[in-house]
Amino acid sequence: MVQDARHVRVQRTAPSAAPTAAPRAKRRVRATFLKQVHLWHWVSAALSLAGMLLFAITGITLNHAASIGAEPKVTRAEAVLPPTAIAALRVARPAGAALPARVATAVTAAVALDPAGRAGEWTDEEVYVALPGPGRDAWVSIDRASGRVEAETTWRGWISYVNDLHKGRNTGDAWFWFIDAFAIACIVFTLTGLLLLQLHARHRPSTWPLVATSLILPLLLAVFLIH
């Protein structure tokens, strides 16, 4: 009878273990999920911090570009290429071809502009290479017969430079891919922030009204005040 009583007690207490195990597992899953969200949130914040600051500041400078005065600085230079470079210029080239390496090196040494790898506009008389960059416009023109080089650079200032970085204007492939990587980091930062808002919203009643305001306010401005 003692054995039967023990058996009964085991049978009565065993089912109670399942309800306690389930909440513990649920809490572990939630804790792991929350830990990962925090991890991705702070990592994406750290990676995008400098970029967000840059793009926020240049958003203001772009918005007030008309009221920010800047005096463009124009620099001109002239030179004559050495005979070896002139000989390379006289060889027929397809439309849009870059300058030969020897010519590009000579141009850089002569006028302090690097046309290497840039597409050239070739005619029978000259080759013209546009060299735009962030905050500047520049060009080089070379007489194919005499090797005479004319170059001009227009520098529009540092505000224009960072504005062009914001727009990705004439910034090259490296900055192009940086903008994509930065945008992905910002998306991760925003989505993980939204998850954290959801997880803590019960203790912060103003959470969802503020989130709704962030959506509705620009929507109303776009619909009613942008013409």
Protein backbone atom coordinates (compact mmCIF):
# COMPACT_ATOMS: atom_id res chain seq x y z
CA MET A 1 0.00 0.00 0.00
CA VAL A 2 2.96 2.31 0.64
CA GLN A 3 4.19 1.68 -2.88
CA ASP A 4 0.72 2.43 -4.23
CA ALA A 5 0.60 5.70 -2.33
CA ARG A 6 3.99 6.74 -3.69
CA HIS A 7 2.84 5.88 -7.18
CA VAL A 8 -0.25 7.99 -6.71
CA ARG A 9 1.81 10.93 -5.43
CA VAL A 10 4.15 10.70 -8.42
CA GLN A 11 1.24 10.57 -10.79
CA ARG A 12 -0.34 13.58 -9.16
CA THR A 13 2.80 15.74 -9.06
CA ALA A 14 4.35 14.84 -12.45
CA PRO A 15 1.88 16.81 -14.60
CA SER A 16 2.68 19.99 -12.63
CA ALA A 17 6.28 19.98 -14.00
CA ALA A 18 5.14 20.71 -17.59
CA PRO A 19 3.45 24.08 -16.86
CA THR A 20 6.56 25.36 -15.05
CA ALA A 21 8.95 24.21 -17.80
CA ALA A 22 7.00 25.93 -20.58
CA PRO A 23 7.19 29.46 -19.09
CA ARG A 24 10.89 28.99 -18.42
CA ALA A 25 11.53 28.00 -22.03
CA LYS A 26 9.44 30.93 -23.20
CA ARG A 27 11.41 33.30 -20.99
CA ARG A 28 14.70 31.91 -22.32
CA VAL A 29 13.57 32.40 -25.92
CA ARG A 30 12.43 35.95 -25.14
CA ALA A 31 15.69 36.74 -23.34
CA THR A 32 17.75 35.40 -26.26
CA PHE A 33 15.67 37.34 -28.77
CA LEU A 34 15.93 40.54 -26.72
CA LYS A 35 19.67 40.08 -26.38
CA GLN A 36 20.05 39.71 -30.15
CA VAL A 37 17.88 42.77 -30.83
CA HIS A 38 19.99 44.85 -28.43
CA LEU A 39 23.18 43.50 -30.03
CA TRP A 40 22.11 44.35 -33.59
CA HIS A 41 20.76 47.71 -32.46
CA TRP A 42 23.94 48.96 -30.82
CA VAL A 43 26.23 47.50 -33.49
CA SER A 44 24.25 49.15 -36.31
CA ALA A 45 24.15 52.38 -34.28
CA ALA A 46 27.92 52.33 -33.85
CA LEU A 47 28.52 51.59 -37.54
CA SER A 48 26.15 54.29 -38.80
CA LEU A 49 26.79 56.97 -36.16
CA ALA A 50 29.31 59.10 -38.09
CA GLY A 51 27.38 58.66 -41.33
CA MET A 52 24.07 59.68 -39.74
CA LEU A 53 25.69 62.78 -38.27
CA LEU A 54 27.19 63.69 -41.65
CA PHE A 55 23.95 63.12 -43.56
CA ALA A 56 21.90 64.98 -40.94
CA ILE A 57 24.17 68.05 -41.10
CA THR A 58 24.32 68.01 -44.89
CA GLY A 59 20.55 67.65 -44.98
CA ILE A 60 20.43 71.08 -43.31
CA THR A 61 23.09 72.58 -45.59
CA LEU A 62 21.33 71.24 -48.68
CA ASN A 63 17.99 72.59 -47.47
CA HIS A 64 19.56 76.05 -47.08
CA ALA A 65 21.95 75.86 -50.04
CA ALA A 66 20.52 79.01 -51.63
CA SER A 67 21.25 81.07 -48.51
CA ILE A 68 24.79 79.75 -47.95
CA GLY A 69 27.08 81.94 -49.99
CA ALA A 70 30.23 80.53 -51.57
CA GLU A 71 32.70 82.18 -53.94
CA PRO A 72 34.01 79.63 -56.46
CA LYS A 73 37.78 79.57 -56.81
CA VAL A 74 38.99 79.03 -60.36
CA THR A 75 42.53 77.77 -61.02
CA ARG A 76 44.00 77.52 -64.51
CA ALA A 77 47.21 75.88 -65.66
CA GLU A 78 49.09 75.36 -68.91
CA ALA A 79 51.99 73.13 -69.86
CA VAL A 80 53.55 71.21 -72.74
CA LEU A 81 53.94 67.44 -72.60
CA PRO A 82 57.26 65.72 -73.33
CA PRO A 83 57.83 64.23 -76.82
CA THR A 84 57.21 60.64 -75.68
CA ALA A 85 53.74 61.58 -74.45
CA ILE A 86 53.00 63.52 -77.65
CA ALA A 87 53.87 60.46 -79.72
CA ALA A 88 51.38 58.38 -77.71
CA LEU A 89 48.69 61.02 -78.32
CA ARG A 90 49.05 60.77 -82.08
CA VAL A 91 48.05 57.09 -82.11
CA ALA A 92 44.40 56.61 -83.12
CA ARG A 93 42.07 55.94 -80.20
CA PRO A 94 38.42 54.82 -80.04
CA ALA A 95 35.81 57.28 -78.84
CA GLY A 96 35.67 57.46 -75.07
CA ALA A 97 39.06 55.84 -74.54
CA ALA A 98 41.10 56.86 -71.53
CA LEU A 99 44.44 58.57 -71.93
CA PRO A 100 47.44 56.25 -72.29
CA ALA A 101 49.18 55.72 -68.97
CA ARG A 102 52.28 57.61 -70.14
CA VAL A 103 50.19 60.63 -71.11
CA ALA A 104 48.11 60.57 -67.91
CA THR A 105 51.29 60.51 -65.80
CA ALA A 106 52.75 63.43 -67.74
CA VAL A 107 49.54 65.45 -67.39
CA THR A 108 49.45 64.86 -63.62
CA ALA A 109 53.06 66.03 -63.30
CA ALA A 110 52.37 69.10 -65.45
CA VAL A 111 49.04 70.45 -64.11
CA ALA A 112 48.41 68.52 -60.85
CA LEU A 113 45.23 66.85 -62.14
CA ASP A 114 45.00 63.09 -62.54
CA PRO A 115 43.08 62.00 -65.67
CA ALA A 116 44.05 58.32 -65.39
CA GLY A 117 41.15 55.99 -66.17
CA ARG A 118 38.78 58.83 -67.14
CA ALA A 119 36.95 58.71 -70.45
CA GLY A 120 38.32 61.14 -73.04
CA GLU A 121 36.59 62.94 -75.89
CA TRP A 122 38.92 62.39 -78.85
CA THR A 123 38.94 64.48 -82.02
CA ASP A 124 41.57 64.79 -84.73
CA GLU A 125 42.92 67.95 -83.06
CA GLU A 126 42.58 67.40 -79.32
CA VAL A 127 41.47 65.19 -76.47
CA TYR A 128 39.27 66.58 -73.70
CA VAL A 129 38.88 64.91 -70.30
CA ALA A 130 36.27 66.02 -67.75
CA LEU A 131 37.38 65.58 -64.14
CA PRO A 132 34.42 66.46 -61.92
CA GLY A 133 34.57 65.63 -58.23
CA PRO A 134 32.71 66.45 -55.03
CA GLY A 135 32.74 70.21 -54.59
CA ARG A 136 34.60 70.84 -57.81
CA ASP A 137 34.50 70.88 -61.59
CA ALA A 138 37.68 70.35 -63.57
CA TRP A 139 38.83 69.55 -67.08
CA VAL A 140 41.95 68.97 -69.13
CA SER A 141 42.36 69.68 -72.85
CA ILE A 142 45.39 68.41 -74.77
CA ASP A 143 46.44 69.37 -78.28
CA ARG A 144 47.35 66.11 -79.99
CA ALA A 145 49.85 67.70 -82.37
CA SER A 146 51.79 70.02 -80.07
CA GLY A 147 51.17 68.38 -76.68
CA ARG A 148 49.98 71.68 -75.22
CA VAL A 149 47.86 71.14 -72.11
CA GLU A 150 45.22 73.48 -70.72
CA ALA A 151 43.55 72.71 -67.40
CA GLU A 152 40.96 74.42 -65.23
CA THR A 153 39.62 73.63 -61.76
CA THR A 154 36.63 75.30 -60.12
CA TRP A 155 36.48 74.72 -56.36
CA ARG A 156 33.11 75.57 -54.82
CA GLY A 157 34.07 75.15 -51.15
CA TRP A 158 33.72 72.61 -48.37
CA ILE A 159 29.98 73.07 -47.94
CA SER A 160 29.54 72.12 -51.57
CA TYR A 161 31.93 69.22 -51.05
CA VAL A 162 29.92 67.64 -48.20
CA ASN A 163 26.66 68.38 -50.04
CA ASP A 164 27.97 66.38 -53.00
CA LEU A 165 28.90 63.56 -50.61
CA HIS A 166 25.29 63.57 -49.41
CA LYS A 167 24.00 63.32 -52.99
CA GLY A 168 26.69 60.89 -54.16
CA ARG A 169 27.57 63.35 -56.93
CA ASN A 170 30.86 62.60 -58.72
CA THR A 171 32.13 60.62 -55.72
CA GLY A 172 33.28 57.39 -57.38
CA ASP A 173 32.56 53.72 -56.78
CA ALA A 174 33.92 53.50 -53.22
CA TRP A 175 31.53 56.16 -51.92
CA PHE A 176 28.69 54.65 -53.98
CA TRP A 177 29.06 51.34 -52.11
CA PHE A 178 29.58 53.11 -48.79
CA ILE A 179 26.19 54.80 -49.17
CA ASP A 180 24.55 51.41 -49.77
CA ALA A 181 26.26 49.85 -46.74
CA PHE A 182 25.40 52.87 -44.59
CA ALA A 183 21.75 52.70 -45.70
CA ILE A 184 21.57 49.01 -44.72
CA ALA A 185 23.05 49.80 -41.28
CA CYS A 186 20.43 52.55 -40.83
CA ILE A 187 17.64 50.14 -41.79
CA VAL A 188 18.86 47.59 -39.23
CA PHE A 189 19.16 50.34 -36.62
CA THR A 190 15.62 51.56 -37.31
CA LEU A 191 13.94 48.14 -37.36
CA THR A 192 15.67 46.93 -34.21
CA GLY A 193 14.73 50.23 -32.57
CA LEU A 194 11.12 49.58 -33.54
CA LEU A 195 11.30 46.12 -31.96
CA LEU A 196 12.72 47.60 -28.77
CA LEU A 197 9.92 50.15 -28.72
CA GLN A 198 7.40 47.34 -29.02
CA LEU A 199 9.06 45.35 -26.22
CA HIS A 200 9.05 48.31 -23.83
CA ALA A 201 5.84 50.01 -24.96
CA ARG A 202 3.76 48.65 -22.07
CA HIS A 203 5.83 50.70 -19.63
CA ARG A 204 5.89 53.82 -21.83
CA PRO A 205 2.35 54.86 -22.84
CA SER A 206 3.55 57.64 -25.14
CA THR A 207 5.51 55.21 -27.37
CA TRP A 208 2.93 54.52 -30.08
CA PRO A 209 1.50 58.08 -30.23
CA LEU A 210 5.04 59.33 -30.88
CA VAL A 211 5.66 56.63 -33.51
CA ALA A 212 2.35 57.50 -35.17
CA THR A 213 3.35 61.18 -35.18
CA SER A 214 6.62 60.32 -36.94
CA LEU A 215 4.58 58.70 -39.72
CA ILE A 216 1.57 60.99 -39.94
CA LEU A 217 3.37 64.36 -39.76
CA PRO A 218 5.55 63.97 -42.89
CA LEU A 219 2.63 62.29 -44.68
CA LEU A 220 0.36 65.29 -43.98
CA LEU A 221 3.09 67.71 -45.06
CA ALA A 222 3.63 65.79 -48.29
CA VAL A 223 -0.07 65.57 -49.14
CA PHE A 224 -1.20 69.08 -48.20
CA LEU A 225 1.81 71.40 -48.23
CA ILE A 226 4.01 70.16 -51.06
CA HIS A 227 2.94 71.47 -54.47
